[in-house]
């Protein structure tokens, strides 16, 4: 499946990221937020996890995360992709991306999607007890898939 690119893409692939790739703090190279909102195009089959992520970030009332409509321009695409050579649990990229979480349980899907939306909001990786943990789906299997204090404060 080809990935469609608008401005940026959320990516959640079917593996686990290395803790060595941690970039704690804010990402300074890009953000998908403009005009106080983050508008996304939905090209994913993981709609329950997408809804969970949107609800988590909207609960902070800092910005409006919403689906693209005929009268808006998408800031980010949420799309599906399968690759046996990609082992990342997820990634946010300013120019391309995809997702494949078929082997994940519902909680893991929710936390990975929420994590990737965090990157689109300019958040880098956080501590182990945070949605923005470099590998939230593998380090904290009992962690709530909801935003934690570090995520909220950041």
C-alpha atoms as a PDB file:
ATOM      1  CA  UNK A   1       0.000   0.000   0.000  1.00  0.00           C
ATOM      2  CA  UNK A   2       1.431   3.374  -0.942  1.00  0.00           C
ATOM      3  CA  UNK A   3       1.585   6.086   1.668  1.00  0.00           C
ATOM      4  CA  UNK A   4      -0.139   9.349   0.852  1.00  0.00           C
ATOM      5  CA  UNK A   5       1.724  12.419   2.023  1.00  0.00           C
ATOM      6  CA  UNK A   6       0.186  15.814   2.724  1.00  0.00           C
ATOM      7  CA  UNK A   7       2.261  17.743   5.245  1.00  0.00           C
ATOM      8  CA  UNK A   8       3.361  14.990   7.587  1.00  0.00           C
ATOM      9  CA  UNK A   9       2.363  11.502   8.599  1.00  0.00           C
ATOM     10  CA  UNK A  10       1.872   9.534  11.783  1.00  0.00           C
ATOM     11  CA  UNK A  11       3.576   6.194  11.647  1.00  0.00           C
ATOM     12  CA  UNK A  12       3.069   3.143  13.819  1.00  0.00           C
ATOM     13  CA  UNK A  13       4.842   0.071  12.491  1.00  0.00           C
ATOM     14  CA  UNK A  14       4.843  -3.473  13.821  1.00  0.00           C
ATOM     15  CA  UNK A  15       7.882  -3.766  16.092  1.00  0.00           C
ATOM     16  CA  UNK A  16       9.633  -2.122  19.009  1.00  0.00           C
ATOM     17  CA  UNK A  17      11.897   0.911  19.031  1.00  0.00           C
ATOM     18  CA  UNK A  18      15.234   0.901  20.770  1.00  0.00           C
ATOM     19  CA  UNK A  19      15.585   2.904  23.969  1.00  0.00           C
ATOM     20  CA  UNK A  20      18.840   4.220  22.538  1.00  0.00           C
ATOM     21  CA  UNK A  21      16.813   6.305  20.123  1.00  0.00           C
ATOM     22  CA  UNK A  22      15.359   8.413  22.936  1.00  0.00           C
ATOM     23  CA  UNK A  23      15.179  12.131  22.232  1.00  0.00           C
ATOM     24  CA  UNK A  24      13.728  13.375  25.516  1.00  0.00           C
ATOM     25  CA  UNK A  25      12.037  16.750  25.340  1.00  0.00           C
ATOM     26  CA  UNK A  26      10.657  18.754  22.471  1.00  0.00           C
ATOM     27  CA  UNK A  27      11.275  18.058  18.813  1.00  0.00           C
ATOM     28  CA  UNK A  28      12.504  21.275  17.252  1.00  0.00           C
ATOM     29  CA  UNK A  29      12.547  20.187  13.614  1.00  0.00           C
ATOM     30  CA  UNK A  30       8.829  20.191  12.896  1.00  0.00           C
ATOM     31  CA  UNK A  31       5.292  20.350  14.192  1.00  0.00           C
ATOM     32  CA  UNK A  32       1.980  19.682  12.509  1.00  0.00           C
ATOM     33  CA  UNK A  33       0.049  22.219  14.572  1.00  0.00           C
ATOM     34  CA  UNK A  34      -1.095  25.393  12.860  1.00  0.00           C
ATOM     35  CA  UNK A  35      -3.733  27.899  13.880  1.00  0.00           C
ATOM     36  CA  UNK A  36      -4.255  26.151  17.224  1.00  0.00           C
ATOM     37  CA  UNK A  37      -5.332  22.911  15.593  1.00  0.00           C
ATOM     38  CA  UNK A  38      -4.045  19.625  14.235  1.00  0.00           C
ATOM     39  CA  UNK A  39      -6.189  18.363  11.356  1.00  0.00           C
ATOM     40  CA  UNK A  40      -5.706  14.758  10.272  1.00  0.00           C
ATOM     41  CA  UNK A  41      -6.755  12.608   7.335  1.00  0.00           C
ATOM     42  CA  UNK A  42      -7.835   9.110   8.356  1.00  0.00           C
ATOM     43  CA  UNK A  43      -6.325   6.399   6.142  1.00  0.00           C
ATOM     44  CA  UNK A  44      -6.008   3.813   8.930  1.00  0.00           C
ATOM     45  CA  UNK A  45      -7.897   0.664   9.834  1.00  0.00           C
ATOM     46  CA  UNK A  46      -7.029   1.260  13.513  1.00  0.00           C
ATOM     47  CA  UNK A  47      -9.901   3.680  14.075  1.00  0.00           C
ATOM     48  CA  UNK A  48     -10.486   2.775  17.746  1.00  0.00           C
ATOM     49  CA  UNK A  49      -6.878   3.674  18.502  1.00  0.00           C
ATOM     50  CA  UNK A  50      -7.102   6.819  16.408  1.00  0.00           C
ATOM     51  CA  UNK A  51     -10.200   7.922  18.360  1.00  0.00           C
ATOM     52  CA  UNK A  52      -8.434   7.156  21.641  1.00  0.00           C
ATOM     53  CA  UNK A  53      -5.407   9.260  20.678  1.00  0.00           C
ATOM     54  CA  UNK A  54      -7.547  12.185  19.504  1.00  0.00           C
ATOM     55  CA  UNK A  55      -9.601  12.099  22.726  1.00  0.00           C
ATOM     56  CA  UNK A  56      -6.469  11.985  24.900  1.00  0.00           C
ATOM     57  CA  UNK A  57      -4.869  15.061  23.323  1.00  0.00           C
ATOM     58  CA  UNK A  58      -8.155  16.977  23.063  1.00  0.00           C
ATOM     59  CA  UNK A  59      -8.791  16.399  26.785  1.00  0.00           C
ATOM     60  CA  UNK A  60      -5.944  18.855  27.528  1.00  0.00           C
ATOM     61  CA  UNK A  61      -7.805  21.679  25.727  1.00  0.00           C
ATOM     62  CA  UNK A  62      -4.494  23.055  24.458  1.00  0.00           C
ATOM     63  CA  UNK A  63      -5.289  22.589  20.764  1.00  0.00           C
ATOM     64  CA  UNK A  64      -8.093  21.115  18.686  1.00  0.00           C
ATOM     65  CA  UNK A  65      -7.237  17.743  17.117  1.00  0.00           C
ATOM     66  CA  UNK A  66      -9.854  16.979  14.497  1.00  0.00           C
ATOM     67  CA  UNK A  67     -10.549  15.051  11.310  1.00  0.00           C
ATOM     68  CA  UNK A  68     -10.157  16.705   7.927  1.00  0.00           C
ATOM     69  CA  UNK A  69     -13.309  17.916   6.194  1.00  0.00           C
ATOM     70  CA  UNK A  70     -14.077  19.329   2.760  1.00  0.00           C
ATOM     71  CA  UNK A  71     -13.357  22.825   4.103  1.00  0.00           C
ATOM     72  CA  UNK A  72     -10.066  22.094   5.918  1.00  0.00           C
ATOM     73  CA  UNK A  73      -6.531  21.113   4.944  1.00  0.00           C
ATOM     74  CA  UNK A  74      -4.979  18.057   6.615  1.00  0.00           C
ATOM     75  CA  UNK A  75      -1.823  18.722   8.628  1.00  0.00           C
ATOM     76  CA  UNK A  76      -1.070  15.031   9.098  1.00  0.00           C
ATOM     77  CA  UNK A  77      -2.050  11.715   7.499  1.00  0.00           C
ATOM     78  CA  UNK A  78      -2.701   8.623   9.592  1.00  0.00           C
ATOM     79  CA  UNK A  79      -2.120   5.737   7.192  1.00  0.00           C
ATOM     80  CA  UNK A  80      -1.507   1.986   7.063  1.00  0.00           C
ATOM     81  CA  UNK A  81       1.602   0.284   5.744  1.00  0.00           C
ATOM     82  CA  UNK A  82       3.084  -3.185   6.055  1.00  0.00           C
ATOM     83  CA  UNK A  83       6.783  -3.975   5.855  1.00  0.00           C
ATOM     84  CA  UNK A  84       8.579  -7.049   7.168  1.00  0.00           C
ATOM     85  CA  UNK A  85      11.852  -5.081   7.213  1.00  0.00           C
ATOM     86  CA  UNK A  86      10.667  -2.305   9.553  1.00  0.00           C
ATOM     87  CA  UNK A  87      10.866  -3.002  13.282  1.00  0.00           C
ATOM     88  CA  UNK A  88       9.732   0.311  14.735  1.00  0.00           C
ATOM     89  CA  UNK A  89       6.742   0.438  17.081  1.00  0.00           C
ATOM     90  CA  UNK A  90       5.982   3.843  15.639  1.00  0.00           C
ATOM     91  CA  UNK A  91       7.447   6.987  14.236  1.00  0.00           C
ATOM     92  CA  UNK A  92       6.474  10.500  13.288  1.00  0.00           C
ATOM     93  CA  UNK A  93       8.071  12.009  10.233  1.00  0.00           C
ATOM     94  CA  UNK A  94       7.524  15.456   8.743  1.00  0.00           C
ATOM     95  CA  UNK A  95       7.367  14.020   5.245  1.00  0.00           C
ATOM     96  CA  UNK A  96       6.320  10.348   5.103  1.00  0.00           C
ATOM     97  CA  UNK A  97       5.031   7.373   7.081  1.00  0.00           C
ATOM     98  CA  UNK A  98       2.608   4.505   7.795  1.00  0.00           C
ATOM     99  CA  UNK A  99       1.336   1.998  10.385  1.00  0.00           C
ATOM    100  CA  UNK A 100       0.951  -1.763  10.906  1.00  0.00           C
ATOM    101  CA  UNK A 101      -0.082  -2.873  14.399  1.00  0.00           C
ATOM    102  CA  UNK A 102      -1.865  -6.140  13.581  1.00  0.00           C
ATOM    103  CA  UNK A 103       0.069  -8.067  16.256  1.00  0.00           C
ATOM    104  CA  UNK A 104      -0.710  -5.569  19.014  1.00  0.00           C
ATOM    105  CA  UNK A 105      -3.461  -5.794  21.609  1.00  0.00           C
ATOM    106  CA  UNK A 106      -5.974  -2.931  21.830  1.00  0.00           C
ATOM    107  CA  UNK A 107      -4.113  -1.167  24.665  1.00  0.00           C
ATOM    108  CA  UNK A 108      -0.811  -1.264  22.743  1.00  0.00           C
ATOM    109  CA  UNK A 109      -2.488   0.104  19.613  1.00  0.00           C
ATOM    110  CA  UNK A 110      -3.991   2.956  21.626  1.00  0.00           C
ATOM    111  CA  UNK A 111      -0.714   3.940  23.276  1.00  0.00           C
ATOM    112  CA  UNK A 112       1.297   3.786  20.031  1.00  0.00           C
ATOM    113  CA  UNK A 113      -1.246   5.963  18.180  1.00  0.00           C
ATOM    114  CA  UNK A 114      -1.372   8.423  21.111  1.00  0.00           C
ATOM    115  CA  UNK A 115       2.464   8.454  21.201  1.00  0.00           C
ATOM    116  CA  UNK A 116       2.708   9.282  17.502  1.00  0.00           C
ATOM    117  CA  UNK A 117       0.198  12.116  17.842  1.00  0.00           C
ATOM    118  CA  UNK A 118       2.468  13.432  20.620  1.00  0.00           C
ATOM    119  CA  UNK A 119       5.297  13.681  18.107  1.00  0.00           C
ATOM    120  CA  UNK A 120       3.046  15.602  15.720  1.00  0.00           C
ATOM    121  CA  UNK A 121       2.507  18.033  18.622  1.00  0.00           C
ATOM    122  CA  UNK A 122       6.316  18.503  18.776  1.00  0.00           C
ATOM    123  CA  UNK A 123       6.961  16.242  21.783  1.00  0.00           C
ATOM    124  CA  UNK A 124      10.088  14.122  21.838  1.00  0.00           C
ATOM    125  CA  UNK A 125      10.521  10.947  23.835  1.00  0.00           C
ATOM    126  CA  UNK A 126       9.943  11.058  27.563  1.00  0.00           C
ATOM    127  CA  UNK A 127      10.653   8.879  30.582  1.00  0.00           C
ATOM    128  CA  UNK A 128       9.603   5.253  30.896  1.00  0.00           C
ATOM    129  CA  UNK A 129       6.371   6.135  32.687  1.00  0.00           C
ATOM    130  CA  UNK A 130       4.853   8.257  29.918  1.00  0.00           C
ATOM    131  CA  UNK A 131       2.964   7.764  26.672  1.00  0.00           C
ATOM    132  CA  UNK A 132       5.982   9.449  25.063  1.00  0.00           C
ATOM    133  CA  UNK A 133       8.296   6.673  26.349  1.00  0.00           C
ATOM    134  CA  UNK A 134      10.458   5.551  23.368  1.00  0.00           C
ATOM    135  CA  UNK A 135       8.587   2.244  23.456  1.00  0.00           C
ATOM    136  CA  UNK A 136       5.354   2.709  25.410  1.00  0.00           C
ATOM    137  CA  UNK A 137       3.895  -0.581  24.171  1.00  0.00           C
ATOM    138  CA  UNK A 138       6.812  -2.704  25.411  1.00  0.00           C
ATOM    139  CA  UNK A 139       8.283  -1.150  28.594  1.00  0.00           C
ATOM    140  CA  UNK A 140       5.072  -0.662  30.522  1.00  0.00           C
ATOM    141  CA  UNK A 141       2.602  -3.432  29.675  1.00  0.00           C
ATOM    142  CA  UNK A 142       0.484  -2.501  32.705  1.00  0.00           C
ATOM    143  CA  UNK A 143       0.695   1.254  32.112  1.00  0.00           C
ATOM    144  CA  UNK A 144      -2.532   2.956  31.298  1.00  0.00           C
ATOM    145  CA  UNK A 145      -2.646   3.886  27.630  1.00  0.00           C
ATOM    146  CA  UNK A 146      -3.740   7.358  28.706  1.00  0.00           C
ATOM    147  CA  UNK A 147      -1.580  10.459  28.951  1.00  0.00           C
ATOM    148  CA  UNK A 148       0.651  10.482  32.019  1.00  0.00           C
ATOM    149  CA  UNK A 149       1.852  13.503  34.032  1.00  0.00           C
ATOM    150  CA  UNK A 150       5.042  13.947  31.948  1.00  0.00           C
ATOM    151  CA  UNK A 151       3.025  13.954  28.713  1.00  0.00           C
ATOM    152  CA  UNK A 152       0.521  16.472  30.084  1.00  0.00           C
ATOM    153  CA  UNK A 153       3.164  18.794  31.562  1.00  0.00           C
ATOM    154  CA  UNK A 154       5.236  18.709  28.369  1.00  0.00           C
END
